[in-house]
PDB file of all heavy atoms in Angstrom:
ATOM      1  N   GLY A   1      -5.044   3.371 -19.466  1.00  0.00           N
ATOM      2  CA  GLY A   1      -4.334   3.358 -18.202  1.00  0.00           C
ATOM      3  C   GLY A   1      -2.852   3.638 -18.278  1.00  0.00           C
ATOM      4  O   GLY A   1      -2.195   3.756 -17.239  1.00  0.00           O
ATOM      5  N   GLY A   2      -2.293   3.745 -19.475  1.00  0.00           N
ATOM      6  CA  GLY A   2      -0.883   4.053 -19.596  1.00  0.00           C
ATOM      7  C   GLY A   2      -0.593   5.489 -19.214  1.00  0.00           C
ATOM      8  O   GLY A   2      -1.491   6.307 -19.051  1.00  0.00           O
ATOM      9  N   GLY A   3       0.690   5.797 -19.052  1.00  0.00           N
ATOM     10  CA  GLY A   3       1.085   7.141 -18.696  1.00  0.00           C
ATOM     11  C   GLY A   3       2.508   7.203 -18.207  1.00  0.00           C
ATOM     12  O   GLY A   3       3.287   6.277 -18.402  1.00  0.00           O
ATOM     13  N   LEU A   4       2.831   8.324 -17.567  1.00  0.00           N
ATOM     14  CA  LEU A   4       4.160   8.555 -17.016  1.00  0.00           C
ATOM     15  C   LEU A   4       4.130   8.341 -15.510  1.00  0.00           C
ATOM     16  O   LEU A   4       3.212   8.802 -14.824  1.00  0.00           O
ATOM     17  CB  LEU A   4       4.631   9.982 -17.312  1.00  0.00           C
ATOM     18  CG  LEU A   4       5.221  10.274 -18.689  1.00  0.00           C
ATOM     19  CD1 LEU A   4       4.181  10.088 -19.787  1.00  0.00           C
ATOM     20  CD2 LEU A   4       5.764  11.697 -18.725  1.00  0.00           C
ATOM     21  N   VAL A   5       5.130   7.640 -14.989  1.00  0.00           N
ATOM     22  CA  VAL A   5       5.209   7.363 -13.566  1.00  0.00           C
ATOM     23  C   VAL A   5       6.678   7.301 -13.157  1.00  0.00           C
ATOM     24  O   VAL A   5       7.538   6.935 -13.958  1.00  0.00           O
ATOM     25  CB  VAL A   5       4.472   6.047 -13.213  1.00  0.00           C
ATOM     26  CG1 VAL A   5       5.166   4.854 -13.857  1.00  0.00           C
ATOM     27  CG2 VAL A   5       4.345   5.864 -11.714  1.00  0.00           C
ATOM     28  N   GLN A   6       6.966   7.665 -11.920  1.00  0.00           N
ATOM     29  CA  GLN A   6       8.325   7.566 -11.406  1.00  0.00           C
ATOM     30  C   GLN A   6       8.645   6.133 -11.003  1.00  0.00           C
ATOM     31  O   GLN A   6       7.754   5.344 -10.690  1.00  0.00           O
ATOM     32  CB  GLN A   6       8.513   8.493 -10.207  1.00  0.00           C
ATOM     33  CG  GLN A   6       8.403   9.968 -10.527  1.00  0.00           C
ATOM     34  CD  GLN A   6       8.714  10.843  -9.333  1.00  0.00           C
ATOM     35  OE1 GLN A   6       9.445  10.464  -8.425  1.00  0.00           O
ATOM     36  NE2 GLN A   6       8.156  12.045  -9.328  1.00  0.00           N
ATOM     37  N   ALA A   7       9.921   5.799 -11.031  1.00  0.00           N
ATOM     38  CA  ALA A   7      10.355   4.474 -10.598  1.00  0.00           C
ATOM     39  C   ALA A   7       9.827   4.174  -9.198  1.00  0.00           C
ATOM     40  O   ALA A   7       9.864   5.032  -8.316  1.00  0.00           O
ATOM     41  CB  ALA A   7      11.873   4.373 -10.629  1.00  0.00           C
ATOM     42  N   GLY A   8       9.336   2.954  -9.021  1.00  0.00           N
ATOM     43  CA  GLY A   8       8.745   2.555  -7.759  1.00  0.00           C
ATOM     44  C   GLY A   8       7.250   2.769  -7.686  1.00  0.00           C
ATOM     45  O   GLY A   8       6.602   2.263  -6.757  1.00  0.00           O
ATOM     46  N   GLY A   9       6.696   3.472  -8.649  1.00  0.00           N
ATOM     47  CA  GLY A   9       5.272   3.745  -8.666  1.00  0.00           C
ATOM     48  C   GLY A   9       4.470   2.623  -9.282  1.00  0.00           C
ATOM     49  O   GLY A   9       4.999   1.560  -9.627  1.00  0.00           O
ATOM     50  N   SER A  10       3.167   2.867  -9.442  1.00  0.00           N
ATOM     51  CA  SER A  10       2.241   1.855  -9.937  1.00  0.00           C
ATOM     52  C   SER A  10       1.351   2.415 -11.032  1.00  0.00           C
ATOM     53  O   SER A  10       1.049   3.612 -11.072  1.00  0.00           O
ATOM     54  CB  SER A  10       1.358   1.329  -8.802  1.00  0.00           C
ATOM     55  OG  SER A  10       2.120   0.704  -7.794  1.00  0.00           O
ATOM     56  N   LEU A  11       0.924   1.534 -11.931  1.00  0.00           N
ATOM     57  CA  LEU A  11      -0.072   1.832 -12.939  1.00  0.00           C
ATOM     58  C   LEU A  11      -0.977   0.620 -13.095  1.00  0.00           C
ATOM     59  O   LEU A  11      -0.550  -0.515 -12.851  1.00  0.00           O
ATOM     60  CB  LEU A  11       0.562   2.156 -14.294  1.00  0.00           C
ATOM     61  CG  LEU A  11       1.242   3.511 -14.481  1.00  0.00           C
ATOM     62  CD1 LEU A  11       1.954   3.550 -15.839  1.00  0.00           C
ATOM     63  CD2 LEU A  11       0.233   4.641 -14.389  1.00  0.00           C
ATOM     64  N   ARG A  12      -2.210   0.861 -13.509  1.00  0.00           N
ATOM     65  CA  ARG A  12      -3.151  -0.218 -13.792  1.00  0.00           C
ATOM     66  C   ARG A  12      -3.649  -0.064 -15.222  1.00  0.00           C
ATOM     67  O   ARG A  12      -4.301   0.927 -15.557  1.00  0.00           O
ATOM     68  CB  ARG A  12      -4.328  -0.189 -12.820  1.00  0.00           C
ATOM     69  CG  ARG A  12      -5.348  -1.311 -13.037  1.00  0.00           C
ATOM     70  CD  ARG A  12      -6.429  -1.271 -11.962  1.00  0.00           C
ATOM     71  NE  ARG A  12      -7.514  -2.213 -12.191  1.00  0.00           N
ATOM     72  CZ  ARG A  12      -7.500  -3.489 -11.833  1.00  0.00           C
ATOM     73  NH1 ARG A  12      -6.424  -3.994 -11.232  1.00  0.00           N
ATOM     74  NH2 ARG A  12      -8.546  -4.273 -12.068  1.00  0.00           N
ATOM     75  N   LEU A  13      -3.337  -1.033 -16.067  1.00  0.00           N
ATOM     76  CA  LEU A  13      -3.791  -1.041 -17.445  1.00  0.00           C
ATOM     77  C   LEU A  13      -5.081  -1.841 -17.564  1.00  0.00           C
ATOM     78  O   LEU A  13      -5.267  -2.847 -16.875  1.00  0.00           O
ATOM     79  CB  LEU A  13      -2.731  -1.646 -18.366  1.00  0.00           C
ATOM     80  CG  LEU A  13      -1.322  -1.051 -18.325  1.00  0.00           C
ATOM     81  CD1 LEU A  13      -0.440  -1.737 -19.366  1.00  0.00           C
ATOM     82  CD2 LEU A  13      -1.360   0.449 -18.552  1.00  0.00           C
ATOM     83  N   SER A  14      -5.958  -1.400 -18.457  1.00  0.00           N
ATOM     84  CA  SER A  14      -7.194  -2.112 -18.719  1.00  0.00           C
ATOM     85  C   SER A  14      -7.372  -2.279 -20.216  1.00  0.00           C
ATOM     86  O   SER A  14      -6.927  -1.447 -21.009  1.00  0.00           O
ATOM     87  CB  SER A  14      -8.398  -1.363 -18.137  1.00  0.00           C
ATOM     88  OG  SER A  14      -8.310  -1.277 -16.731  1.00  0.00           O
ATOM     89  N   CYS A  15      -8.032  -3.352 -20.612  1.00  0.00           N
ATOM     90  CA  CYS A  15      -8.305  -3.641 -22.014  1.00  0.00           C
ATOM     91  C   CYS A  15      -9.722  -4.177 -22.117  1.00  0.00           C
ATOM     92  O   CYS A  15     -10.032  -5.225 -21.529  1.00  0.00           O
ATOM     93  CB  CYS A  15      -7.298  -4.654 -22.558  1.00  0.00           C
ATOM     94  SG  CYS A  15      -7.667  -5.245 -24.225  1.00  0.00           S
ATOM     95  N   ALA A  16     -10.568  -3.480 -22.865  1.00  0.00           N
ATOM     96  CA  ALA A  16     -11.955  -3.877 -23.050  1.00  0.00           C
ATOM     97  C   ALA A  16     -12.147  -4.454 -24.446  1.00  0.00           C
ATOM     98  O   ALA A  16     -11.717  -3.856 -25.437  1.00  0.00           O
ATOM     99  CB  ALA A  16     -12.883  -2.688 -22.839  1.00  0.00           C
ATOM    100  N   ALA A  17     -12.805  -5.599 -24.523  1.00  0.00           N
ATOM    101  CA  ALA A  17     -13.079  -6.259 -25.792  1.00  0.00           C
ATOM    102  C   ALA A  17     -14.514  -5.990 -26.225  1.00  0.00           C
ATOM    103  O   ALA A  17     -15.427  -5.931 -25.404  1.00  0.00           O
ATOM    104  CB  ALA A  17     -12.843  -7.760 -25.684  1.00  0.00           C
ATOM    105  N   SER A  18     -14.707  -5.849 -27.526  1.00  0.00           N
ATOM    106  CA  SER A  18     -16.039  -5.671 -28.088  1.00  0.00           C
ATOM    107  C   SER A  18     -16.102  -6.358 -29.443  1.00  0.00           C
ATOM    108  O   SER A  18     -15.097  -6.797 -29.983  1.00  0.00           O
ATOM    109  CB  SER A  18     -16.394  -4.189 -28.217  1.00  0.00           C
ATOM    110  OG  SER A  18     -15.504  -3.531 -29.104  1.00  0.00           O
ATOM    111  N   GLY A  19     -17.314  -6.446 -30.003  1.00  0.00           N
ATOM    112  CA  GLY A  19     -17.515  -7.117 -31.267  1.00  0.00           C
ATOM    113  C   GLY A  19     -17.980  -8.547 -31.057  1.00  0.00           C
ATOM    114  O   GLY A  19     -18.829  -8.810 -30.211  1.00  0.00           O
ATOM    115  N   SER A  20     -17.414  -9.467 -31.812  1.00  0.00           N
ATOM    116  CA  SER A  20     -17.756 -10.883 -31.706  1.00  0.00           C
ATOM    117  C   SER A  20     -16.943 -11.509 -30.586  1.00  0.00           C
ATOM    118  O   SER A  20     -15.930 -12.183 -30.821  1.00  0.00           O
ATOM    119  CB  SER A  20     -17.503 -11.583 -33.043  1.00  0.00           C
ATOM    120  OG  SER A  20     -18.276 -11.007 -34.080  1.00  0.00           O
ATOM    121  N   ILE A  21     -17.395 -11.289 -29.362  1.00  0.00           N
ATOM    122  CA  ILE A  21     -16.588 -11.640 -28.195  1.00  0.00           C
ATOM    123  C   ILE A  21     -16.826 -13.047 -27.675  1.00  0.00           C
ATOM    124  O   ILE A  21     -16.159 -13.467 -26.725  1.00  0.00           O
ATOM    125  CB  ILE A  21     -16.796 -10.630 -27.057  1.00  0.00           C
ATOM    126  CG1 ILE A  21     -18.269 -10.580 -26.649  1.00  0.00           C
ATOM    127  CG2 ILE A  21     -16.302  -9.251 -27.478  1.00  0.00           C
ATOM    128  CD1 ILE A  21     -18.547  -9.683 -25.460  1.00  0.00           C
ATOM    129  N   SER A  22     -17.766 -13.777 -28.254  1.00  0.00           N
ATOM    130  CA  SER A  22     -17.976 -15.152 -27.834  1.00  0.00           C
ATOM    131  C   SER A  22     -16.759 -15.996 -28.198  1.00  0.00           C
ATOM    132  O   SER A  22     -16.062 -15.722 -29.174  1.00  0.00           O
ATOM    133  CB  SER A  22     -19.233 -15.728 -28.479  1.00  0.00           C
ATOM    134  OG  SER A  22     -19.106 -15.779 -29.889  1.00  0.00           O
ATOM    135  N   SER A  23     -16.502 -17.005 -27.393  1.00  0.00           N
ATOM    136  CA  SER A  23     -15.427 -17.977 -27.617  1.00  0.00           C
ATOM    137  C   SER A  23     -14.020 -17.399 -27.463  1.00  0.00           C
ATOM    138  O   SER A  23     -13.051 -18.032 -27.881  1.00  0.00           O
ATOM    139  CB  SER A  23     -15.558 -18.639 -28.994  1.00  0.00           C
ATOM    140  OG  SER A  23     -16.800 -19.299 -29.122  1.00  0.00           O
ATOM    141  N   ILE A  24     -13.889 -16.215 -26.874  1.00  0.00           N
ATOM    142  CA  ILE A  24     -12.552 -15.693 -26.573  1.00  0.00           C
ATOM    143  C   ILE A  24     -11.915 -16.595 -25.526  1.00  0.00           C
ATOM    144  O   ILE A  24     -12.519 -16.916 -24.506  1.00  0.00           O
ATOM    145  CB  ILE A  24     -12.604 -14.242 -26.077  1.00  0.00           C
ATOM    146  CG1 ILE A  24     -12.941 -13.295 -27.226  1.00  0.00           C
ATOM    147  CG2 ILE A  24     -11.274 -13.847 -25.448  1.00  0.00           C
ATOM    148  CD1 ILE A  24     -13.026 -11.839 -26.822  1.00  0.00           C
ATOM    149  N   ASN A  25     -10.693 -17.015 -25.786  1.00  0.00           N
ATOM    150  CA  ASN A  25      -9.995 -17.912 -24.870  1.00  0.00           C
ATOM    151  C   ASN A  25      -8.935 -17.134 -24.092  1.00  0.00           C
ATOM    152  O   ASN A  25      -9.268 -16.340 -23.219  1.00  0.00           O
ATOM    153  CB  ASN A  25      -9.393 -19.080 -25.641  1.00  0.00           C
ATOM    154  CG  ASN A  25      -8.946 -20.207 -24.732  1.00  0.00           C
ATOM    155  OD1 ASN A  25      -9.189 -20.196 -23.527  1.00  0.00           O
ATOM    156  ND2 ASN A  25      -8.278 -21.202 -25.297  1.00  0.00           N
TER     157      ASN A  25
END
């Protein structure tokens, strides 16, 4: 979701977890 944007604009970042994902706090 990163990138270039002009001042005043918006971006939405996302992060997906995988692997041993149980017990993530």
